Each structure stands twice: as structure tokens, then as C-alpha cells.
N, C-alpha and C. Protein backbone atom coordinates (compact mmCIF):
# COMPACT_ATOMS: atom_id res chain seq x y z
N MET A 1 -59.81 25.76 75.63
CA MET A 1 -59.97 24.99 75.15
C MET A 1 -61.42 24.16 75.48
N PRO A 2 -62.55 23.52 74.80
CA PRO A 2 -63.81 23.40 75.01
C PRO A 2 -63.40 22.20 75.89
N ASP A 3 -65.12 21.82 76.82
CA ASP A 3 -65.10 20.42 77.24
C ASP A 3 -65.03 19.71 76.52
N ASP A 4 -64.74 18.60 76.69
CA ASP A 4 -64.54 16.93 75.69
C ASP A 4 -65.89 16.55 75.25
N GLU A 5 -66.95 17.26 75.85
CA GLU A 5 -68.15 17.01 75.08
C GLU A 5 -69.01 17.97 74.24
N ASN A 6 -68.49 18.56 74.08
CA ASN A 6 -68.84 19.58 72.96
C ASN A 6 -67.24 20.15 72.45
N PHE A 7 -66.32 19.28 71.93
CA PHE A 7 -65.10 19.68 71.26
C PHE A 7 -64.72 19.04 70.13
N THR A 8 -64.91 19.39 69.19
CA THR A 8 -64.76 18.94 68.39
C THR A 8 -63.73 19.51 67.48
N CYS A 9 -63.09 17.79 67.20
CA CYS A 9 -61.83 18.10 66.88
C CYS A 9 -61.84 18.03 64.39
N MET A 10 -60.34 17.96 64.32
CA MET A 10 -60.25 18.94 62.35
C MET A 10 -61.22 17.13 62.39
N HIS A 11 -60.81 16.52 62.76
CA HIS A 11 -60.78 15.22 61.66
C HIS A 11 -62.57 14.32 62.46
N ASP A 12 -62.75 15.68 62.97
CA ASP A 12 -64.53 15.10 63.15
C ASP A 12 -64.87 16.63 62.10
N VAL A 13 -64.70 17.67 61.24
CA VAL A 13 -65.05 18.06 60.23
C VAL A 13 -64.49 17.65 58.89
N LEU A 14 -63.05 16.51 59.40
CA LEU A 14 -62.78 15.54 57.77
C LEU A 14 -64.20 14.71 57.41
N ASP A 15 -64.33 13.34 59.00
CA ASP A 15 -64.98 12.51 58.32
C ASP A 15 -66.34 13.56 58.38
N ALA A 16 -66.65 14.19 58.14
CA ALA A 16 -68.64 14.69 57.88
C ALA A 16 -67.95 15.83 56.76
N LEU A 17 -67.24 16.65 56.21
CA LEU A 17 -66.76 16.24 55.07
C LEU A 17 -66.93 14.55 54.18
N GLU A 18 -66.44 14.20 54.25
CA GLU A 18 -66.45 12.64 53.75
C GLU A 18 -67.07 11.57 53.31
N ALA A 19 -68.33 12.30 54.94
CA ALA A 19 -69.66 11.17 54.56
C ALA A 19 -70.48 11.98 53.73
N VAL A 20 -70.36 13.53 53.54
CA VAL A 20 -71.64 14.38 53.23
C VAL A 20 -70.52 13.87 51.55
N ILE A 21 -70.48 14.03 51.13
CA ILE A 21 -69.31 13.84 49.71
C ILE A 21 -69.87 12.28 49.29
N ALA A 22 -68.87 11.44 50.19
CA ALA A 22 -69.36 10.25 49.56
C ALA A 22 -71.40 9.76 48.82
N SER A 23 -72.02 10.46 50.07
CA SER A 23 -73.43 10.83 50.16
C SER A 23 -74.33 10.84 49.07
N SER A 24 -73.42 12.00 47.85
CA SER A 24 -73.68 12.53 47.09
C SER A 24 -74.30 12.16 45.69
N ASP A 25 -74.54 12.69 45.15
CA ASP A 25 -75.03 12.66 43.86
C ASP A 25 -74.07 11.37 43.06
N PRO A 26 -73.37 10.22 41.95
CA PRO A 26 -72.87 10.51 42.11
C PRO A 26 -71.73 11.27 40.66
N LYS A 27 -73.37 11.67 40.07
CA LYS A 27 -72.90 12.66 39.10
C LYS A 27 -72.50 13.87 39.38
N LYS A 28 -72.84 13.95 40.52
CA LYS A 28 -71.88 15.57 40.61
C LYS A 28 -70.72 14.80 42.00
N ARG A 29 -70.23 13.73 42.10
CA ARG A 29 -68.60 13.06 42.84
C ARG A 29 -68.02 12.92 40.97
N GLU A 30 -68.77 12.42 40.36
CA GLU A 30 -67.39 12.59 39.66
C GLU A 30 -67.31 13.47 38.78
N ALA A 31 -68.44 14.75 39.30
CA ALA A 31 -67.54 16.31 38.43
C ALA A 31 -66.20 17.12 39.58
N LEU A 32 -66.62 16.38 40.47
CA LEU A 32 -66.22 16.28 41.42
C LEU A 32 -64.35 16.39 40.88
N ALA A 33 -64.33 15.14 40.78
CA ALA A 33 -63.04 13.91 40.78
C ALA A 33 -62.37 14.48 39.74
N ALA A 34 -64.14 15.12 38.55
CA ALA A 34 -63.27 16.05 37.19
C ALA A 34 -62.50 16.91 37.70
N ALA A 35 -63.78 17.45 37.65
CA ALA A 35 -62.84 19.18 38.40
C ALA A 35 -60.92 19.48 38.96
N ILE A 36 -61.17 17.82 40.15
CA ILE A 36 -60.40 17.65 41.02
C ILE A 36 -58.56 17.04 39.38
N ASP A 37 -59.52 16.28 38.98
CA ASP A 37 -58.28 15.58 37.57
C ASP A 37 -57.65 17.22 36.88
N GLY A 38 -58.64 17.68 36.52
CA GLY A 38 -58.11 18.72 35.80
C GLY A 38 -56.96 19.75 36.77
N TYR A 39 -57.27 19.73 37.81
CA TYR A 39 -56.84 21.05 38.49
C TYR A 39 -55.27 20.47 38.38
N ALA A 40 -55.39 18.94 38.44
CA ALA A 40 -53.76 18.56 38.72
C ALA A 40 -52.68 18.66 37.59
N GLU A 41 -54.00 17.72 36.65
CA GLU A 41 -53.34 18.25 35.22
C GLU A 41 -52.48 18.98 34.68
N SER A 42 -53.58 20.10 35.09
CA SER A 42 -53.11 21.76 35.10
C SER A 42 -52.09 22.53 35.63
N PHE A 43 -52.33 22.11 36.76
CA PHE A 43 -51.11 22.90 37.84
C PHE A 43 -50.29 21.93 38.74
N PRO A 44 -49.86 20.67 37.82
CA PRO A 44 -48.91 19.50 39.19
C PRO A 44 -48.86 19.91 39.94
N GLU A 45 -47.76 21.21 39.97
CA GLU A 45 -46.57 21.43 41.23
C GLU A 45 -48.15 21.38 42.56
N ASP A 46 -49.35 22.52 41.63
CA ASP A 46 -50.09 23.27 43.13
C ASP A 46 -50.47 22.21 43.27
N PHE A 47 -51.01 21.57 42.88
CA PHE A 47 -52.11 20.53 43.20
C PHE A 47 -50.57 19.32 43.98
N HIS A 48 -49.58 19.28 43.50
CA HIS A 48 -48.78 18.18 44.92
C HIS A 48 -48.99 19.41 45.95
N TRP A 49 -48.18 20.49 45.94
CA TRP A 49 -48.33 21.39 46.89
C TRP A 49 -49.50 21.16 47.64
N SER A 50 -50.84 21.97 46.87
CA SER A 50 -51.56 21.52 48.12
C SER A 50 -51.82 20.76 48.26
N ILE A 51 -51.73 18.93 48.68
CA ILE A 51 -51.99 17.54 49.22
C ILE A 51 -51.44 17.38 49.79
N SER A 52 -50.13 18.52 49.80
CA SER A 52 -48.84 18.66 50.98
C SER A 52 -49.43 19.75 52.34
N ALA A 53 -47.73 19.46 53.45
CA ALA A 53 -48.09 19.65 54.57
C ALA A 53 -48.46 21.81 54.19
N GLN A 54 -47.79 21.85 53.15
CA GLN A 54 -47.34 23.54 52.90
C GLN A 54 -48.94 23.70 52.18
N SER A 55 -50.35 23.51 52.60
CA SER A 55 -51.03 25.34 52.01
C SER A 55 -51.54 25.34 52.90
N PRO A 56 -51.42 26.12 53.38
CA PRO A 56 -52.60 26.88 54.17
C PRO A 56 -53.28 27.59 53.25
N SER A 57 -52.86 28.23 52.36
CA SER A 57 -53.51 28.98 52.07
C SER A 57 -54.93 28.76 51.23
N LEU A 58 -54.48 27.37 50.48
CA LEU A 58 -55.98 26.13 49.74
C LEU A 58 -56.85 25.97 50.87
N LEU A 59 -56.09 25.87 52.30
CA LEU A 59 -56.78 24.99 53.20
C LEU A 59 -57.86 26.43 53.63
N ASN A 60 -57.48 27.50 53.77
CA ASN A 60 -58.66 28.53 53.96
C ASN A 60 -59.46 28.66 52.40
N HIS A 61 -59.00 29.17 51.76
CA HIS A 61 -60.08 28.93 50.80
C HIS A 61 -61.05 27.37 51.11
N LEU A 62 -60.29 26.50 50.83
CA LEU A 62 -61.47 24.49 51.35
C LEU A 62 -62.14 24.91 52.03
N VAL A 63 -61.48 25.11 53.62
CA VAL A 63 -62.52 25.61 54.46
C VAL A 63 -63.83 26.65 54.47
N MET A 64 -63.13 28.17 53.98
CA MET A 64 -64.73 28.93 53.78
C MET A 64 -65.35 28.67 52.53
N VAL A 65 -65.16 27.69 51.90
CA VAL A 65 -66.16 27.24 50.09
C VAL A 65 -66.85 26.63 51.36
N ILE A 66 -66.23 25.10 51.58
CA ILE A 66 -66.81 23.90 52.85
C ILE A 66 -68.34 25.06 53.81
N ASP A 67 -68.15 26.28 53.90
CA ASP A 67 -68.79 26.31 54.90
C ASP A 67 -70.37 27.19 54.34
N TRP A 68 -69.59 28.15 53.09
CA TRP A 68 -70.71 28.52 52.69
C TRP A 68 -71.42 27.54 52.10
N SER A 69 -71.05 26.68 51.61
CA SER A 69 -71.82 25.62 50.21
C SER A 69 -72.53 25.15 50.87
N CYS A 70 -72.70 24.75 52.93
CA CYS A 70 -73.46 24.29 53.36
C CYS A 70 -74.51 24.19 54.00
N ARG A 71 -74.64 25.67 54.10
CA ARG A 71 -75.67 26.64 54.57
C ARG A 71 -76.80 27.33 53.12
N PRO A 72 -77.75 27.13 53.99
CA PRO A 72 -78.82 27.60 53.67
C PRO A 72 -78.40 29.47 54.01
N GLU A 73 -78.58 30.32 52.37
CA GLU A 73 -77.85 31.24 52.56
C GLU A 73 -78.40 32.22 53.92
N ALA A 74 -79.66 31.60 54.69
CA ALA A 74 -80.38 32.90 55.16
C ALA A 74 -79.31 32.48 56.57
N GLU A 75 -78.52 31.87 56.15
CA GLU A 75 -78.39 30.67 57.56
C GLU A 75 -76.09 30.89 57.95
N THR A 76 -76.09 31.86 56.45
CA THR A 76 -74.85 31.80 56.61
C THR A 76 -73.68 32.51 58.05
N LYS A 77 -72.22 32.11 58.08
CA LYS A 77 -72.17 32.83 59.47
C LYS A 77 -71.53 33.57 58.96
N PRO A 78 -71.36 34.81 58.93
CA PRO A 78 -70.46 35.51 58.94
C PRO A 78 -68.72 35.48 59.53
N ARG A 79 -68.05 36.37 58.22
CA ARG A 79 -66.40 35.50 59.07
C ARG A 79 -65.89 36.22 59.13
N PRO A 80 -65.43 36.65 60.12
CA PRO A 80 -64.73 38.25 59.92
C PRO A 80 -63.15 38.34 58.45
N ALA A 81 -62.92 39.02 57.91
CA ALA A 81 -61.82 38.84 57.16
C ALA A 81 -60.33 39.43 58.26
N ILE A 82 -59.89 38.42 57.82
CA ILE A 82 -58.13 38.29 58.48
C ILE A 82 -57.65 38.99 57.86
N ARG A 83 -56.90 39.70 57.95
CA ARG A 83 -55.81 40.41 56.59
C ARG A 83 -54.41 41.34 57.92
N LEU A 84 -53.44 40.47 56.27
CA LEU A 84 -52.33 41.00 57.65
C LEU A 84 -51.96 42.85 56.72
N VAL A 85 -50.79 42.83 58.00
CA VAL A 85 -50.51 44.35 57.56
C VAL A 85 -49.33 44.17 57.22
N ASP A 86 -48.63 44.87 56.38
CA ASP A 86 -47.17 44.63 56.13
C ASP A 86 -46.64 46.52 56.73
N ARG A 87 -46.20 46.01 57.67
CA ARG A 87 -45.47 47.41 58.59
C ARG A 87 -43.63 47.70 58.87
N LYS A 88 -43.66 49.14 58.79
CA LYS A 88 -42.80 49.52 58.46
C LYS A 88 -41.67 48.99 59.49
N PRO A 89 -40.79 48.53 59.99
CA PRO A 89 -39.85 48.42 61.25
C PRO A 89 -39.93 48.58 62.01
N MET A 90 -39.45 49.15 63.29
CA MET A 90 -39.69 50.28 64.00
C MET A 90 -38.17 50.35 64.74
N GLY A 91 -37.09 51.25 65.13
CA GLY A 91 -36.13 51.47 65.41
C GLY A 91 -35.48 51.16 65.01
N ASN A 92 -34.04 50.35 64.49
CA ASN A 92 -33.15 49.83 63.98
C ASN A 92 -33.45 47.98 63.44
N ALA A 93 -34.50 48.08 63.14
CA ALA A 93 -34.35 46.43 63.22
C ALA A 93 -33.94 46.02 61.39
């Protein structure tokens, strides 16, 4: 656990994201809102699932896109790909 001076929690990230979106070009915010509305209308079950506590996959993609898009290409931080491996059970399991 980092010390208190360097601690950044999820709410710090969300507050920063909210500030960036709120201060962005109103036409781009409108386009984002329209895209979210379109997604909600086209895939209502997925949308409502994505805003629930059961949404780790969407969260993964969301955080990665935010991370990539907020940095100039020369400053991107390579992130390791985490892959889950299907393994055969050992023994009598």
C-alpha cells in the first residue's frame, strides 16, 4: 500500500475523468452522450449490466481506452496483457 501522500484511489480517477469530460468541447460531449444513448437503445440488457456492479469486462475496456486516449502516442505506457489459461484439472478434481 502506498503512503498517504502518494495514494490515488478509484474516486480520484473518476473525479479526474468527470472533470475532463465536463471541460471538453460541448459538441464532443453531445456526441459521447448520443453514442451512450445509442448503445443503451441498441443493447439495453448489456447497457444496464454495464452500469451495474457486475461489469468487470466493460470496465477493463473503458479504463484501457481512457488510459490510451489521454496520453500522446510517444508517452503511452505499455501494459502487459493478462491472459487466462484454460488448464486441465490435476488429479481427481
